[in-house]
């Protein structure tokens, strides 16, 4: 971005990516309000009576918010020396997803409702309000979830095997005359029963089928606590790592150690 001087880029970065200055905090607070209002517009538009009366007004507001967020997205790119890191980051992807549905609505009817993904941008509120302790706890939870992934994977594979077997057996026992007209539909019943959801759209009528259903219900209650226990165990082992809210001038990434001198993502000096 050679058309922007280094001093102007730093000032733009300070306003958009940081919340230490009055300008930066004001920018982020206005952004949060705009996000809430844009999501509210999308939700209200889905109400048929309101859409019939104020449909054109809702559409106008949607485009106004989308254009503003589009300008903000490109300003974030301009404010960085290495914008590629921001574009592929979590926040960069969320920022992009928050604006493309409106443009897609020109070709795909109803896609603009996906603008509710903008609510994900409110995760920045922790940085705006300087709730560093919450960021540290969020990092602790992320570490615990990452450590739990192998055990959770084994657990889910085991559950998939159980519902596949039970669904197939129930298909053989009940058959199509009782609604179990295919193995996939019987597996659907097994999943609904094991998770204790119980829609009631399919139910066994034979004694053997009801016995198997009872087994699935009891099994469902017993396995609900397994993933919770796995994650809770890892949360107890994980340590909350202190991180700062400073954003790198080159890539815009956050999550650095309080005493870090260089960005751990792109290597630029902080």
C-alpha atoms as a PDB file:
ATOM      1  CA  UNK A   1       0.000   0.000   0.000  1.00  0.00           C
ATOM      2  CA  UNK A   2       2.559   2.566  -1.151  1.00  0.00           C
ATOM      3  CA  UNK A   3      -0.019   5.362  -1.508  1.00  0.00           C
ATOM      4  CA  UNK A   4      -0.275   5.551   2.312  1.00  0.00           C
ATOM      5  CA  UNK A   5       2.642   6.990   4.303  1.00  0.00           C
ATOM      6  CA  UNK A   6       3.989   5.071   7.284  1.00  0.00           C
ATOM      7  CA  UNK A   7       2.783   7.693   9.777  1.00  0.00           C
ATOM      8  CA  UNK A   8      -0.747   7.620   8.352  1.00  0.00           C
ATOM      9  CA  UNK A   9      -0.757   3.838   8.358  1.00  0.00           C
ATOM     10  CA  UNK A  10       0.270   3.760  12.006  1.00  0.00           C
ATOM     11  CA  UNK A  11      -2.449   6.256  12.883  1.00  0.00           C
ATOM     12  CA  UNK A  12      -5.058   4.230  10.986  1.00  0.00           C
ATOM     13  CA  UNK A  13      -3.846   1.047  12.676  1.00  0.00           C
ATOM     14  CA  UNK A  14      -4.063   2.719  16.077  1.00  0.00           C
ATOM     15  CA  UNK A  15      -7.672   3.715  15.474  1.00  0.00           C
ATOM     16  CA  UNK A  16      -8.905   0.482  13.900  1.00  0.00           C
ATOM     17  CA  UNK A  17      -6.914  -2.237  15.670  1.00  0.00           C
ATOM     18  CA  UNK A  18      -6.173  -0.690  19.065  1.00  0.00           C
ATOM     19  CA  UNK A  19      -8.455   0.518  21.843  1.00  0.00           C
ATOM     20  CA  UNK A  20      -5.896   2.380  23.955  1.00  0.00           C
ATOM     21  CA  UNK A  21      -6.724   5.814  22.543  1.00  0.00           C
ATOM     22  CA  UNK A  22     -10.049   7.695  22.705  1.00  0.00           C
ATOM     23  CA  UNK A  23     -10.285   7.507  18.882  1.00  0.00           C
ATOM     24  CA  UNK A  24      -9.680   3.755  18.868  1.00  0.00           C
ATOM     25  CA  UNK A  25     -12.164   3.054  21.637  1.00  0.00           C
ATOM     26  CA  UNK A  26     -14.782   5.292  19.990  1.00  0.00           C
ATOM     27  CA  UNK A  27     -14.282   3.506  16.662  1.00  0.00           C
ATOM     28  CA  UNK A  28     -14.765   0.081  18.226  1.00  0.00           C
ATOM     29  CA  UNK A  29     -17.809   1.111  20.250  1.00  0.00           C
ATOM     30  CA  UNK A  30     -19.452   2.607  17.155  1.00  0.00           C
ATOM     31  CA  UNK A  31     -18.590  -0.599  15.295  1.00  0.00           C
ATOM     32  CA  UNK A  32     -20.214  -2.743  17.985  1.00  0.00           C
ATOM     33  CA  UNK A  33     -23.377  -0.621  17.894  1.00  0.00           C
ATOM     34  CA  UNK A  34     -23.493  -0.893  14.096  1.00  0.00           C
ATOM     35  CA  UNK A  35     -23.119  -4.678  14.308  1.00  0.00           C
ATOM     36  CA  UNK A  36     -25.987  -4.960  16.796  1.00  0.00           C
ATOM     37  CA  UNK A  37     -28.220  -2.726  14.698  1.00  0.00           C
ATOM     38  CA  UNK A  38     -27.462  -4.622  11.470  1.00  0.00           C
ATOM     39  CA  UNK A  39     -28.268  -7.972  13.105  1.00  0.00           C
ATOM     40  CA  UNK A  40     -31.474  -6.490  14.534  1.00  0.00           C
ATOM     41  CA  UNK A  41     -32.499  -5.334  11.036  1.00  0.00           C
ATOM     42  CA  UNK A  42     -32.013  -8.845   9.638  1.00  0.00           C
ATOM     43  CA  UNK A  43     -34.053 -10.387  12.450  1.00  0.00           C
ATOM     44  CA  UNK A  44     -36.894  -7.871  12.106  1.00  0.00           C
ATOM     45  CA  UNK A  45     -36.990  -8.369   8.339  1.00  0.00           C
ATOM     46  CA  UNK A  46     -37.798 -12.047   8.852  1.00  0.00           C
ATOM     47  CA  UNK A  47     -41.085 -11.046  10.543  1.00  0.00           C
ATOM     48  CA  UNK A  48     -43.613 -11.175   7.694  1.00  0.00           C
ATOM     49  CA  UNK A  49     -45.823  -8.314   8.900  1.00  0.00           C
ATOM     50  CA  UNK A  50     -42.855  -5.978   9.438  1.00  0.00           C
ATOM     51  CA  UNK A  51     -41.236  -6.991   6.167  1.00  0.00           C
ATOM     52  CA  UNK A  52     -44.456  -6.237   4.282  1.00  0.00           C
ATOM     53  CA  UNK A  53     -44.657  -2.754   5.799  1.00  0.00           C
ATOM     54  CA  UNK A  54     -40.995  -1.751   6.070  1.00  0.00           C
ATOM     55  CA  UNK A  55     -39.294  -4.090   3.594  1.00  0.00           C
ATOM     56  CA  UNK A  56     -37.730  -1.336   1.496  1.00  0.00           C
ATOM     57  CA  UNK A  57     -36.443   0.449   4.597  1.00  0.00           C
ATOM     58  CA  UNK A  58     -34.864  -2.757   5.912  1.00  0.00           C
ATOM     59  CA  UNK A  59     -33.161  -3.337   2.555  1.00  0.00           C
ATOM     60  CA  UNK A  60     -31.798   0.211   2.555  1.00  0.00           C
ATOM     61  CA  UNK A  61     -30.363  -0.200   6.053  1.00  0.00           C
ATOM     62  CA  UNK A  62     -28.842  -3.563   5.116  1.00  0.00           C
ATOM     63  CA  UNK A  63     -26.964  -2.022   2.210  1.00  0.00           C
ATOM     64  CA  UNK A  64     -25.851   0.965   4.277  1.00  0.00           C
ATOM     65  CA  UNK A  65     -24.393  -1.294   6.957  1.00  0.00           C
ATOM     66  CA  UNK A  66     -22.838  -3.597   4.363  1.00  0.00           C
ATOM     67  CA  UNK A  67     -21.134  -0.724   2.539  1.00  0.00           C
ATOM     68  CA  UNK A  68     -19.825   0.660   5.850  1.00  0.00           C
ATOM     69  CA  UNK A  69     -18.480  -2.750   6.883  1.00  0.00           C
ATOM     70  CA  UNK A  70     -16.940  -3.216   3.439  1.00  0.00           C
ATOM     71  CA  UNK A  71     -15.095   0.103   3.751  1.00  0.00           C
ATOM     72  CA  UNK A  72     -13.972  -0.891   7.249  1.00  0.00           C
ATOM     73  CA  UNK A  73     -12.710  -4.266   5.969  1.00  0.00           C
ATOM     74  CA  UNK A  74     -10.547  -2.643   3.298  1.00  0.00           C
ATOM     75  CA  UNK A  75      -9.303  -0.026   5.777  1.00  0.00           C
ATOM     76  CA  UNK A  76      -8.093  -2.864   7.987  1.00  0.00           C
ATOM     77  CA  UNK A  77      -6.186  -4.260   5.014  1.00  0.00           C
ATOM     78  CA  UNK A  78      -4.697  -0.860   4.175  1.00  0.00           C
ATOM     79  CA  UNK A  79      -3.625  -0.296   7.798  1.00  0.00           C
ATOM     80  CA  UNK A  80      -1.371  -3.372   7.814  1.00  0.00           C
ATOM     81  CA  UNK A  81       2.057  -3.952   6.322  1.00  0.00           C
ATOM     82  CA  UNK A  82       1.276  -7.640   5.813  1.00  0.00           C
ATOM     83  CA  UNK A  83      -2.513  -7.805   5.307  1.00  0.00           C
ATOM     84  CA  UNK A  84      -2.388 -11.435   4.160  1.00  0.00           C
ATOM     85  CA  UNK A  85      -2.086 -12.579   7.780  1.00  0.00           C
ATOM     86  CA  UNK A  86      -5.196 -10.628   8.720  1.00  0.00           C
ATOM     87  CA  UNK A  87      -7.185 -11.876   5.713  1.00  0.00           C
ATOM     88  CA  UNK A  88      -6.604 -15.521   6.616  1.00  0.00           C
ATOM     89  CA  UNK A  89      -6.979 -15.012  10.393  1.00  0.00           C
ATOM     90  CA  UNK A  90     -10.111 -15.892  12.369  1.00  0.00           C
ATOM     91  CA  UNK A  91     -11.249 -12.295  12.661  1.00  0.00           C
ATOM     92  CA  UNK A  92     -10.382 -11.596   9.034  1.00  0.00           C
ATOM     93  CA  UNK A  93     -12.548 -14.494   7.835  1.00  0.00           C
ATOM     94  CA  UNK A  94     -15.409 -13.447  10.132  1.00  0.00           C
ATOM     95  CA  UNK A  95     -15.166  -9.858   8.873  1.00  0.00           C
ATOM     96  CA  UNK A  96     -15.360 -11.074   5.274  1.00  0.00           C
ATOM     97  CA  UNK A  97     -18.239 -13.451   5.944  1.00  0.00           C
ATOM     98  CA  UNK A  98     -20.170 -10.590   7.545  1.00  0.00           C
ATOM     99  CA  UNK A  99     -20.288  -8.583   4.310  1.00  0.00           C
ATOM    100  CA  UNK A 100     -20.526 -11.095   1.453  1.00  0.00           C
ATOM    101  CA  UNK A 101     -24.126 -12.338   2.125  1.00  0.00           C
ATOM    102  CA  UNK A 102     -25.613  -9.006   1.056  1.00  0.00           C
ATOM    103  CA  UNK A 103     -23.742  -9.116  -2.241  1.00  0.00           C
ATOM    104  CA  UNK A 104     -24.741 -12.760  -2.713  1.00  0.00           C
ATOM    105  CA  UNK A 105     -28.374 -11.743  -2.247  1.00  0.00           C
ATOM    106  CA  UNK A 106     -28.179 -10.110  -5.679  1.00  0.00           C
ATOM    107  CA  UNK A 107     -27.904 -13.628  -7.123  1.00  0.00           C
ATOM    108  CA  UNK A 108     -29.299 -15.939  -4.411  1.00  0.00           C
ATOM    109  CA  UNK A 109     -32.591 -14.995  -2.780  1.00  0.00           C
ATOM    110  CA  UNK A 110     -32.548 -15.157   1.008  1.00  0.00           C
ATOM    111  CA  UNK A 111     -28.778 -15.363   1.418  1.00  0.00           C
ATOM    112  CA  UNK A 112     -28.723 -11.943   3.095  1.00  0.00           C
ATOM    113  CA  UNK A 113     -30.110 -13.562   6.243  1.00  0.00           C
ATOM    114  CA  UNK A 114     -26.639 -15.035   6.737  1.00  0.00           C
ATOM    115  CA  UNK A 115     -25.604 -11.549   7.815  1.00  0.00           C
ATOM    116  CA  UNK A 116     -26.402 -12.687  11.363  1.00  0.00           C
ATOM    117  CA  UNK A 117     -22.839 -14.052  11.315  1.00  0.00           C
ATOM    118  CA  UNK A 118     -21.890 -10.442  12.064  1.00  0.00           C
ATOM    119  CA  UNK A 119     -22.728 -11.169  15.674  1.00  0.00           C
ATOM    120  CA  UNK A 120     -19.436 -13.117  15.806  1.00  0.00           C
ATOM    121  CA  UNK A 121     -17.618  -9.824  15.437  1.00  0.00           C
ATOM    122  CA  UNK A 122     -18.753  -8.924  18.941  1.00  0.00           C
ATOM    123  CA  UNK A 123     -15.943 -11.136  20.237  1.00  0.00           C
ATOM    124  CA  UNK A 124     -13.852  -8.002  19.903  1.00  0.00           C
ATOM    125  CA  UNK A 125     -15.741  -6.542  22.854  1.00  0.00           C
ATOM    126  CA  UNK A 126     -13.286  -8.276  25.199  1.00  0.00           C
ATOM    127  CA  UNK A 127     -10.454  -6.264  23.666  1.00  0.00           C
ATOM    128  CA  UNK A 128     -12.446  -3.032  23.456  1.00  0.00           C
ATOM    129  CA  UNK A 129     -13.394  -3.124  27.128  1.00  0.00           C
ATOM    130  CA  UNK A 130      -9.916  -4.323  28.087  1.00  0.00           C
ATOM    131  CA  UNK A 131     -11.218  -7.499  29.696  1.00  0.00           C
ATOM    132  CA  UNK A 132      -7.810  -9.158  29.461  1.00  0.00           C
ATOM    133  CA  UNK A 133      -8.700 -11.657  32.172  1.00  0.00           C
ATOM    134  CA  UNK A 134     -11.542 -12.989  29.999  1.00  0.00           C
ATOM    135  CA  UNK A 135      -9.154 -13.308  27.066  1.00  0.00           C
ATOM    136  CA  UNK A 136      -6.814 -15.367  29.232  1.00  0.00           C
ATOM    137  CA  UNK A 137      -9.649 -17.620  30.364  1.00  0.00           C
ATOM    138  CA  UNK A 138     -10.813 -18.014  26.763  1.00  0.00           C
ATOM    139  CA  UNK A 139      -7.273 -19.045  25.846  1.00  0.00           C
ATOM    140  CA  UNK A 140      -7.346 -21.574  28.699  1.00  0.00           C
ATOM    141  CA  UNK A 141     -10.594 -23.050  27.376  1.00  0.00           C
ATOM    142  CA  UNK A 142      -9.145 -23.242  23.855  1.00  0.00           C
ATOM    143  CA  UNK A 143      -6.096 -25.121  25.167  1.00  0.00           C
ATOM    144  CA  UNK A 144      -8.360 -27.539  27.050  1.00  0.00           C
ATOM    145  CA  UNK A 145     -10.547 -28.183  23.999  1.00  0.00           C
ATOM    146  CA  UNK A 146      -7.475 -28.778  21.848  1.00  0.00           C
ATOM    147  CA  UNK A 147      -6.060 -31.247  24.381  1.00  0.00           C
ATOM    148  CA  UNK A 148      -9.442 -33.022  24.584  1.00  0.00           C
ATOM    149  CA  UNK A 149      -9.770 -33.456  20.814  1.00  0.00           C
ATOM    150  CA  UNK A 150      -8.228 -36.978  20.573  1.00  0.00           C
ATOM    151  CA  UNK A 151     -10.414 -38.334  23.386  1.00  0.00           C
ATOM    152  CA  UNK A 152     -13.528 -36.617  22.039  1.00  0.00           C
ATOM    153  CA  UNK A 153     -12.806 -38.056  18.584  1.00  0.00           C
ATOM    154  CA  UNK A 154     -12.573 -41.601  19.973  1.00  0.00           C
ATOM    155  CA  UNK A 155     -15.783 -41.011  21.918  1.00  0.00           C
ATOM    156  CA  UNK A 156     -17.683 -39.759  18.854  1.00  0.00           C
ATOM    157  CA  UNK A 157     -16.464 -42.653  16.707  1.00  0.00           C
ATOM    158  CA  UNK A 158     -17.661 -45.090  19.383  1.00  0.00           C
ATOM    159  CA  UNK A 159     -21.068 -43.388  19.511  1.00  0.00           C
ATOM    160  CA  UNK A 160     -21.341 -43.535  15.710  1.00  0.00           C
ATOM    161  CA  UNK A 161     -20.666 -47.263  15.800  1.00  0.00           C
ATOM    162  CA  UNK A 162     -23.305 -47.789  18.495  1.00  0.00           C
ATOM    163  CA  UNK A 163     -26.052 -45.856  16.690  1.00  0.00           C
ATOM    164  CA  UNK A 164     -25.195 -47.625  13.429  1.00  0.00           C
ATOM    165  CA  UNK A 165     -25.509 -51.054  15.032  1.00  0.00           C
ATOM    166  CA  UNK A 166     -28.610 -50.252  17.098  1.00  0.00           C
ATOM    167  CA  UNK A 167     -30.283 -48.517  14.151  1.00  0.00           C
ATOM    168  CA  UNK A 168     -29.689 -51.532  11.948  1.00  0.00           C
ATOM    169  CA  UNK A 169     -30.984 -53.937  14.592  1.00  0.00           C
ATOM    170  CA  UNK A 170     -34.074 -51.782  15.125  1.00  0.00           C
ATOM    171  CA  UNK A 171     -34.693 -51.794  11.372  1.00  0.00           C
ATOM    172  CA  UNK A 172     -34.660 -55.596  11.438  1.00  0.00           C
ATOM    173  CA  UNK A 173     -36.924 -55.782  14.498  1.00  0.00           C
ATOM    174  CA  UNK A 174     -39.547 -53.168  13.596  1.00  0.00           C
ATOM    175  CA  UNK A 175     -39.401 -52.913   9.819  1.00  0.00           C
ATOM    176  CA  UNK A 176     -41.197 -50.463   7.564  1.00  0.00           C
ATOM    177  CA  UNK A 177     -44.646 -51.209   8.977  1.00  0.00           C
ATOM    178  CA  UNK A 178     -43.746 -49.266  12.139  1.00  0.00           C
ATOM    179  CA  UNK A 179     -41.964 -46.367  10.462  1.00  0.00           C
ATOM    180  CA  UNK A 180     -38.465 -47.876  10.379  1.00  0.00           C
ATOM    181  CA  UNK A 181     -38.534 -48.130   6.601  1.00  0.00           C
ATOM    182  CA  UNK A 182     -34.772 -47.819   6.044  1.00  0.00           C
ATOM    183  CA  UNK A 183     -31.510 -48.161   7.940  1.00  0.00           C
ATOM    184  CA  UNK A 184     -30.684 -44.402   7.694  1.00  0.00           C
ATOM    185  CA  UNK A 185     -34.088 -43.542   9.173  1.00  0.00           C
ATOM    186  CA  UNK A 186     -33.542 -46.102  11.926  1.00  0.00           C
ATOM    187  CA  UNK A 187     -30.134 -44.563  12.640  1.00  0.00           C
ATOM    188  CA  UNK A 188     -31.847 -41.178  12.886  1.00  0.00           C
ATOM    189  CA  UNK A 189     -34.173 -42.677  15.511  1.00  0.00           C
ATOM    190  CA  UNK A 190     -31.176 -44.097  17.395  1.00  0.00           C
ATOM    191  CA  UNK A 191     -29.465 -40.682  17.469  1.00  0.00           C
ATOM    192  CA  UNK A 192     -32.626 -38.906  18.635  1.00  0.00           C
ATOM    193  CA  UNK A 193     -33.195 -41.517  21.343  1.00  0.00           C
ATOM    194  CA  UNK A 194     -29.585 -41.619  22.572  1.00  0.00           C
ATOM    195  CA  UNK A 195     -29.400 -37.836  22.861  1.00  0.00           C
ATOM    196  CA  UNK A 196     -32.670 -37.943  24.886  1.00  0.00           C
ATOM    197  CA  UNK A 197     -34.298 -35.505  22.438  1.00  0.00           C
ATOM    198  CA  UNK A 198     -37.226 -37.809  21.728  1.00  0.00           C
ATOM    199  CA  UNK A 199     -39.167 -36.165  18.903  1.00  0.00           C
ATOM    200  CA  UNK A 200     -41.665 -39.007  18.927  1.00  0.00           C
ATOM    201  CA  UNK A 201     -42.088 -39.093  15.140  1.00  0.00           C
ATOM    202  CA  UNK A 202     -40.876 -42.713  15.127  1.00  0.00           C
ATOM    203  CA  UNK A 203     -41.463 -45.152  17.968  1.00  0.00           C
ATOM    204  CA  UNK A 204     -41.105 -48.933  18.297  1.00  0.00           C
ATOM    205  CA  UNK A 205     -44.260 -50.938  18.925  1.00  0.00           C
ATOM    206  CA  UNK A 206     -42.931 -54.455  19.504  1.00  0.00           C
ATOM    207  CA  UNK A 207     -41.766 -55.670  22.916  1.00  0.00           C
ATOM    208  CA  UNK A 208     -38.254 -56.385  21.640  1.00  0.00           C
ATOM    209  CA  UNK A 209     -38.062 -52.973  19.957  1.00  0.00           C
ATOM    210  CA  UNK A 210     -39.219 -51.192  23.117  1.00  0.00           C
ATOM    211  CA  UNK A 211     -36.668 -53.125  25.159  1.00  0.00           C
ATOM    212  CA  UNK A 212     -33.904 -51.987  22.810  1.00  0.00           C
ATOM    213  CA  UNK A 213     -35.261 -48.431  22.973  1.00  0.00           C
ATOM    214  CA  UNK A 214     -35.135 -48.542  26.786  1.00  0.00           C
ATOM    215  CA  UNK A 215     -31.514 -49.642  26.584  1.00  0.00           C
ATOM    216  CA  UNK A 216     -30.729 -46.695  24.296  1.00  0.00           C
ATOM    217  CA  UNK A 217     -32.436 -44.229  26.641  1.00  0.00           C
ATOM    218  CA  UNK A 218     -30.470 -45.407  29.661  1.00  0.00           C
ATOM    219  CA  UNK A 219     -27.267 -45.441  27.611  1.00  0.00           C
ATOM    220  CA  UNK A 220     -28.003 -41.905  26.451  1.00  0.00           C
ATOM    221  CA  UNK A 221     -28.197 -40.607  30.015  1.00  0.00           C
ATOM    222  CA  UNK A 222     -24.963 -42.350  30.952  1.00  0.00           C
ATOM    223  CA  UNK A 223     -22.883 -41.016  28.046  1.00  0.00           C
ATOM    224  CA  UNK A 224     -24.006 -37.376  28.245  1.00  0.00           C
ATOM    225  CA  UNK A 225     -21.488 -36.738  31.022  1.00  0.00           C
ATOM    226  CA  UNK A 226     -18.537 -38.281  29.149  1.00  0.00           C
ATOM    227  CA  UNK A 227     -17.514 -35.346  26.892  1.00  0.00           C
ATOM    228  CA  UNK A 228     -18.218 -32.904  29.732  1.00  0.00           C
ATOM    229  CA  UNK A 229     -15.928 -34.863  32.014  1.00  0.00           C
ATOM    230  CA  UNK A 230     -13.186 -35.030  29.405  1.00  0.00           C
ATOM    231  CA  UNK A 231     -13.203 -31.278  28.789  1.00  0.00           C
ATOM    232  CA  UNK A 232     -13.556 -30.442  32.489  1.00  0.00           C
ATOM    233  CA  UNK A 233     -10.525 -32.578  33.259  1.00  0.00           C
ATOM    234  CA  UNK A 234      -8.439 -30.764  30.686  1.00  0.00           C
ATOM    235  CA  UNK A 235      -9.676 -27.357  31.873  1.00  0.00           C
ATOM    236  CA  UNK A 236      -8.437 -28.242  35.351  1.00  0.00           C
ATOM    237  CA  UNK A 237      -5.001 -29.099  33.966  1.00  0.00           C
ATOM    238  CA  UNK A 238      -4.703 -26.106  31.634  1.00  0.00           C
ATOM    239  CA  UNK A 239      -3.188 -22.893  32.893  1.00  0.00           C
ATOM    240  CA  UNK A 240      -4.563 -19.485  31.980  1.00  0.00           C
ATOM    241  CA  UNK A 241      -1.863 -17.761  29.972  1.00  0.00           C
ATOM    242  CA  UNK A 242      -1.619 -14.003  30.295  1.00  0.00           C
ATOM    243  CA  UNK A 243      -1.921 -12.245  26.950  1.00  0.00           C
ATOM    244  CA  UNK A 244      -2.025  -8.618  25.889  1.00  0.00           C
ATOM    245  CA  UNK A 245      -4.545  -6.862  23.682  1.00  0.00           C
ATOM    246  CA  UNK A 246      -1.884  -5.232  21.509  1.00  0.00           C
ATOM    247  CA  UNK A 247      -2.338  -5.820  17.783  1.00  0.00           C
ATOM    248  CA  UNK A 248       0.659  -6.252  15.477  1.00  0.00           C
ATOM    249  CA  UNK A 249       1.197  -3.325  13.114  1.00  0.00           C
ATOM    250  CA  UNK A 250       2.142  -5.675  10.280  1.00  0.00           C
ATOM    251  CA  UNK A 251      -0.450  -8.456  10.420  1.00  0.00           C
ATOM    252  CA  UNK A 252      -3.044  -7.193  12.919  1.00  0.00           C
ATOM    253  CA  UNK A 253      -2.957 -10.392  14.976  1.00  0.00           C
ATOM    254  CA  UNK A 254      -3.402 -10.299  18.748  1.00  0.00           C
ATOM    255  CA  UNK A 255      -2.779 -12.740  21.592  1.00  0.00           C
ATOM    256  CA  UNK A 256       0.871 -11.870  22.312  1.00  0.00           C
ATOM    257  CA  UNK A 257       2.605 -12.265  25.654  1.00  0.00           C
ATOM    258  CA  UNK A 258       2.619  -9.073  27.740  1.00  0.00           C
ATOM    259  CA  UNK A 259       6.427  -8.795  27.445  1.00  0.00           C
ATOM    260  CA  UNK A 260       6.651  -9.807  23.766  1.00  0.00           C
ATOM    261  CA  UNK A 261       8.903  -7.663  21.569  1.00  0.00           C
ATOM    262  CA  UNK A 262       8.107  -9.346  18.262  1.00  0.00           C
ATOM    263  CA  UNK A 263       4.929 -10.748  16.723  1.00  0.00           C
ATOM    264  CA  UNK A 264       4.744 -14.531  17.055  1.00  0.00           C
ATOM    265  CA  UNK A 265       2.797 -14.783  13.794  1.00  0.00           C
ATOM    266  CA  UNK A 266       4.790 -12.707  11.309  1.00  0.00           C
ATOM    267  CA  UNK A 267       7.955 -11.824  13.243  1.00  0.00           C
ATOM    268  CA  UNK A 268       7.491  -8.062  12.970  1.00  0.00           C
ATOM    269  CA  UNK A 269       8.552  -5.820  15.847  1.00  0.00           C
ATOM    270  CA  UNK A 270       5.683  -4.847  18.123  1.00  0.00           C
END
